């Protein structure tokens, strides 16, 4: 379980997404692969939201820079701003080398299903979602 302020300064808690297939992405606006994969996340959130998939991003940067990025990219999922605590959370999820981007997918029961340090592809995410949706 985790809690961080979102781009509007409101605290969000991971319990909000209980029962969903949860995709947590750690990123930063200055990270080129993070910027490349964000439009994919926006597209997949639109496609899978009604099936119970929820993207959540945790940015490692200054709030103003994250807000600008959020607005420019039209991000359609909760985006939180974390510092050292977010890095610690990513470490506990399997990000041993503090890599960005870092993505973790959890099934509806909260069990870790997939982790990846580095950019993730549409094929990987779609295959994971389809399997998790079939199994739930």
C-alpha atoms as a PDB file:
ATOM      1  CA  UNK A   1       0.000   0.000   0.000  1.00  0.00           C
ATOM      2  CA  UNK A   2       1.198   3.508  -0.799  1.00  0.00           C
ATOM      3  CA  UNK A   3       0.059   7.106  -0.746  1.00  0.00           C
ATOM      4  CA  UNK A   4       1.433  10.157  -2.569  1.00  0.00           C
ATOM      5  CA  UNK A   5       0.093  13.564  -3.589  1.00  0.00           C
ATOM      6  CA  UNK A   6      -1.272  13.772  -7.125  1.00  0.00           C
ATOM      7  CA  UNK A   7      -0.664  16.587  -9.615  1.00  0.00           C
ATOM      8  CA  UNK A   8      -3.393  18.619  -7.885  1.00  0.00           C
ATOM      9  CA  UNK A   9      -1.829  18.181  -4.449  1.00  0.00           C
ATOM     10  CA  UNK A  10      -4.482  15.725  -3.211  1.00  0.00           C
ATOM     11  CA  UNK A  11      -3.251  12.584  -1.472  1.00  0.00           C
ATOM     12  CA  UNK A  12      -4.137   9.402  -3.332  1.00  0.00           C
ATOM     13  CA  UNK A  13      -3.965   5.943  -1.798  1.00  0.00           C
ATOM     14  CA  UNK A  14      -3.429   2.635  -3.565  1.00  0.00           C
ATOM     15  CA  UNK A  15      -6.520   1.221  -1.840  1.00  0.00           C
ATOM     16  CA  UNK A  16      -8.591   3.320  -4.288  1.00  0.00           C
ATOM     17  CA  UNK A  17      -7.783   0.803  -7.019  1.00  0.00           C
ATOM     18  CA  UNK A  18      -8.435  -2.380  -5.065  1.00  0.00           C
ATOM     19  CA  UNK A  19      -9.980  -5.076  -7.260  1.00  0.00           C
ATOM     20  CA  UNK A  20      -8.544  -3.635 -10.472  1.00  0.00           C
ATOM     21  CA  UNK A  21      -5.728  -4.848 -12.678  1.00  0.00           C
ATOM     22  CA  UNK A  22      -3.246  -2.208 -11.617  1.00  0.00           C
ATOM     23  CA  UNK A  23      -0.362  -0.870 -13.695  1.00  0.00           C
ATOM     24  CA  UNK A  24       2.061   1.282 -11.715  1.00  0.00           C
ATOM     25  CA  UNK A  25       4.613   3.204 -13.738  1.00  0.00           C
ATOM     26  CA  UNK A  26       7.525   5.128 -12.224  1.00  0.00           C
ATOM     27  CA  UNK A  27       8.848   7.847 -14.517  1.00  0.00           C
ATOM     28  CA  UNK A  28      10.272  11.352 -14.855  1.00  0.00           C
ATOM     29  CA  UNK A  29       9.595  14.102 -17.417  1.00  0.00           C
ATOM     30  CA  UNK A  30      13.315  14.303 -18.301  1.00  0.00           C
ATOM     31  CA  UNK A  31      13.462  10.559 -19.162  1.00  0.00           C
ATOM     32  CA  UNK A  32      13.235   9.969 -22.971  1.00  0.00           C
ATOM     33  CA  UNK A  33      11.806   6.405 -22.803  1.00  0.00           C
ATOM     34  CA  UNK A  34       9.287   7.598 -20.206  1.00  0.00           C
ATOM     35  CA  UNK A  35       8.073  10.287 -22.610  1.00  0.00           C
ATOM     36  CA  UNK A  36       7.898   7.731 -25.440  1.00  0.00           C
ATOM     37  CA  UNK A  37       5.714   5.248 -23.564  1.00  0.00           C
ATOM     38  CA  UNK A  38       3.278   7.753 -22.015  1.00  0.00           C
ATOM     39  CA  UNK A  39       1.033   8.094 -25.132  1.00  0.00           C
ATOM     40  CA  UNK A  40       0.747   4.277 -25.164  1.00  0.00           C
ATOM     41  CA  UNK A  41      -0.428   4.299 -21.544  1.00  0.00           C
ATOM     42  CA  UNK A  42      -3.017   6.983 -22.346  1.00  0.00           C
ATOM     43  CA  UNK A  43      -4.301   4.892 -25.280  1.00  0.00           C
ATOM     44  CA  UNK A  44      -4.424   1.623 -23.283  1.00  0.00           C
ATOM     45  CA  UNK A  45      -6.153   3.319 -20.336  1.00  0.00           C
ATOM     46  CA  UNK A  46      -8.914   4.392 -22.740  1.00  0.00           C
ATOM     47  CA  UNK A  47      -9.150   0.918 -24.273  1.00  0.00           C
ATOM     48  CA  UNK A  48      -9.137  -1.128 -21.048  1.00  0.00           C
ATOM     49  CA  UNK A  49     -10.652   1.156 -18.382  1.00  0.00           C
ATOM     50  CA  UNK A  50     -14.136  -0.343 -18.696  1.00  0.00           C
ATOM     51  CA  UNK A  51     -12.632  -3.830 -18.253  1.00  0.00           C
ATOM     52  CA  UNK A  52     -11.082  -2.966 -14.892  1.00  0.00           C
ATOM     53  CA  UNK A  53      -7.532  -1.992 -15.857  1.00  0.00           C
ATOM     54  CA  UNK A  54      -6.144   1.051 -14.047  1.00  0.00           C
ATOM     55  CA  UNK A  55      -2.910   2.848 -14.868  1.00  0.00           C
ATOM     56  CA  UNK A  56      -1.288   4.881 -12.095  1.00  0.00           C
ATOM     57  CA  UNK A  57       1.928   6.804 -12.567  1.00  0.00           C
ATOM     58  CA  UNK A  58       4.358   8.022  -9.952  1.00  0.00           C
ATOM     59  CA  UNK A  59       6.689  10.749 -11.161  1.00  0.00           C
ATOM     60  CA  UNK A  60      10.096  11.374  -9.668  1.00  0.00           C
ATOM     61  CA  UNK A  61      10.489  15.117 -10.247  1.00  0.00           C
ATOM     62  CA  UNK A  62       9.357  18.603  -9.268  1.00  0.00           C
ATOM     63  CA  UNK A  63       5.555  19.092  -9.099  1.00  0.00           C
ATOM     64  CA  UNK A  64       5.511  21.955 -11.636  1.00  0.00           C
ATOM     65  CA  UNK A  65       7.391  19.960 -14.267  1.00  0.00           C
ATOM     66  CA  UNK A  66       5.151  16.943 -13.724  1.00  0.00           C
ATOM     67  CA  UNK A  67       1.995  19.074 -14.001  1.00  0.00           C
ATOM     68  CA  UNK A  68       3.211  20.593 -17.287  1.00  0.00           C
ATOM     69  CA  UNK A  69       3.963  17.125 -18.679  1.00  0.00           C
ATOM     70  CA  UNK A  70       0.582  15.841 -17.462  1.00  0.00           C
ATOM     71  CA  UNK A  71      -1.251  18.639 -19.281  1.00  0.00           C
ATOM     72  CA  UNK A  72       0.768  18.459 -22.522  1.00  0.00           C
ATOM     73  CA  UNK A  73       0.374  14.672 -22.838  1.00  0.00           C
ATOM     74  CA  UNK A  74      -3.314  14.605 -21.858  1.00  0.00           C
ATOM     75  CA  UNK A  75      -2.723  11.955 -19.219  1.00  0.00           C
ATOM     76  CA  UNK A  76      -6.032  10.277 -18.350  1.00  0.00           C
ATOM     77  CA  UNK A  77      -5.054   8.360 -15.214  1.00  0.00           C
ATOM     78  CA  UNK A  78      -3.935   9.266 -11.697  1.00  0.00           C
ATOM     79  CA  UNK A  79      -0.465  10.761 -11.641  1.00  0.00           C
ATOM     80  CA  UNK A  80       1.281  11.198  -8.357  1.00  0.00           C
ATOM     81  CA  UNK A  81       4.486  12.918  -7.393  1.00  0.00           C
ATOM     82  CA  UNK A  82       6.986  11.042  -5.295  1.00  0.00           C
ATOM     83  CA  UNK A  83      10.497  11.594  -4.083  1.00  0.00           C
ATOM     84  CA  UNK A  84      12.731   9.267  -2.136  1.00  0.00           C
ATOM     85  CA  UNK A  85       9.700   7.355  -0.807  1.00  0.00           C
ATOM     86  CA  UNK A  86       8.609   6.581  -4.372  1.00  0.00           C
ATOM     87  CA  UNK A  87      12.089   5.298  -5.181  1.00  0.00           C
ATOM     88  CA  UNK A  88      11.936   3.080  -2.089  1.00  0.00           C
ATOM     89  CA  UNK A  89       8.533   1.775  -3.202  1.00  0.00           C
ATOM     90  CA  UNK A  90       9.896   0.969  -6.674  1.00  0.00           C
ATOM     91  CA  UNK A  91      12.782  -0.882  -5.002  1.00  0.00           C
ATOM     92  CA  UNK A  92      10.384  -3.021  -2.959  1.00  0.00           C
ATOM     93  CA  UNK A  93       8.490  -3.836  -6.177  1.00  0.00           C
ATOM     94  CA  UNK A  94      11.654  -5.140  -7.834  1.00  0.00           C
ATOM     95  CA  UNK A  95      13.438  -2.109  -9.270  1.00  0.00           C
ATOM     96  CA  UNK A  96      16.870  -3.032  -7.944  1.00  0.00           C
ATOM     97  CA  UNK A  97      18.831  -0.473  -9.982  1.00  0.00           C
ATOM     98  CA  UNK A  98      16.566   2.606  -9.653  1.00  0.00           C
ATOM     99  CA  UNK A  99      15.779   2.427 -13.378  1.00  0.00           C
ATOM    100  CA  UNK A 100      13.287   4.735 -15.068  1.00  0.00           C
ATOM    101  CA  UNK A 101      10.870   3.957 -16.443  1.00  0.00           C
ATOM    102  CA  UNK A 102       9.863   1.062 -14.235  1.00  0.00           C
ATOM    103  CA  UNK A 103       6.499  -0.681 -14.594  1.00  0.00           C
ATOM    104  CA  UNK A 104       4.761  -3.171 -12.315  1.00  0.00           C
ATOM    105  CA  UNK A 105       1.460  -4.936 -13.074  1.00  0.00           C
ATOM    106  CA  UNK A 106      -0.723  -6.481 -10.365  1.00  0.00           C
ATOM    107  CA  UNK A 107      -3.715  -8.778 -10.738  1.00  0.00           C
ATOM    108  CA  UNK A 108      -7.111  -7.986  -9.203  1.00  0.00           C
ATOM    109  CA  UNK A 109      -6.093  -9.569  -5.880  1.00  0.00           C
ATOM    110  CA  UNK A 110      -3.000  -7.351  -5.649  1.00  0.00           C
ATOM    111  CA  UNK A 111      -0.515 -10.085  -6.513  1.00  0.00           C
ATOM    112  CA  UNK A 112       2.503  -9.014  -8.569  1.00  0.00           C
ATOM    113  CA  UNK A 113       2.165 -10.334 -12.121  1.00  0.00           C
ATOM    114  CA  UNK A 114       4.861  -8.555 -14.162  1.00  0.00           C
ATOM    115  CA  UNK A 115       7.704  -6.106 -13.586  1.00  0.00           C
ATOM    116  CA  UNK A 116       9.951  -4.380 -16.078  1.00  0.00           C
ATOM    117  CA  UNK A 117      12.811  -1.939 -15.767  1.00  0.00           C
ATOM    118  CA  UNK A 118      12.940   0.076 -18.979  1.00  0.00           C
ATOM    119  CA  UNK A 119      10.411   0.889 -21.637  1.00  0.00           C
ATOM    120  CA  UNK A 120       7.459  -1.455 -22.034  1.00  0.00           C
ATOM    121  CA  UNK A 121       5.695  -2.220 -25.330  1.00  0.00           C
ATOM    122  CA  UNK A 122       2.083  -2.376 -26.408  1.00  0.00           C
ATOM    123  CA  UNK A 123       2.451  -6.098 -27.133  1.00  0.00           C
ATOM    124  CA  UNK A 124       3.682  -6.871 -23.616  1.00  0.00           C
ATOM    125  CA  UNK A 125       0.955  -4.846 -21.926  1.00  0.00           C
ATOM    126  CA  UNK A 126      -1.848  -6.123 -24.158  1.00  0.00           C
ATOM    127  CA  UNK A 127      -0.803  -9.756 -23.633  1.00  0.00           C
ATOM    128  CA  UNK A 128      -0.648  -9.229 -19.855  1.00  0.00           C
ATOM    129  CA  UNK A 129      -4.073  -7.567 -19.759  1.00  0.00           C
ATOM    130  CA  UNK A 130      -5.699 -10.236 -21.902  1.00  0.00           C
ATOM    131  CA  UNK A 131      -4.309 -13.018 -19.729  1.00  0.00           C
ATOM    132  CA  UNK A 132      -5.265 -11.295 -16.468  1.00  0.00           C
ATOM    133  CA  UNK A 133      -8.754 -10.543 -17.794  1.00  0.00           C
ATOM    134  CA  UNK A 134      -9.245 -14.186 -18.869  1.00  0.00           C
ATOM    135  CA  UNK A 135      -8.062 -15.449 -15.482  1.00  0.00           C
ATOM    136  CA  UNK A 136     -10.229 -13.125 -13.392  1.00  0.00           C
END
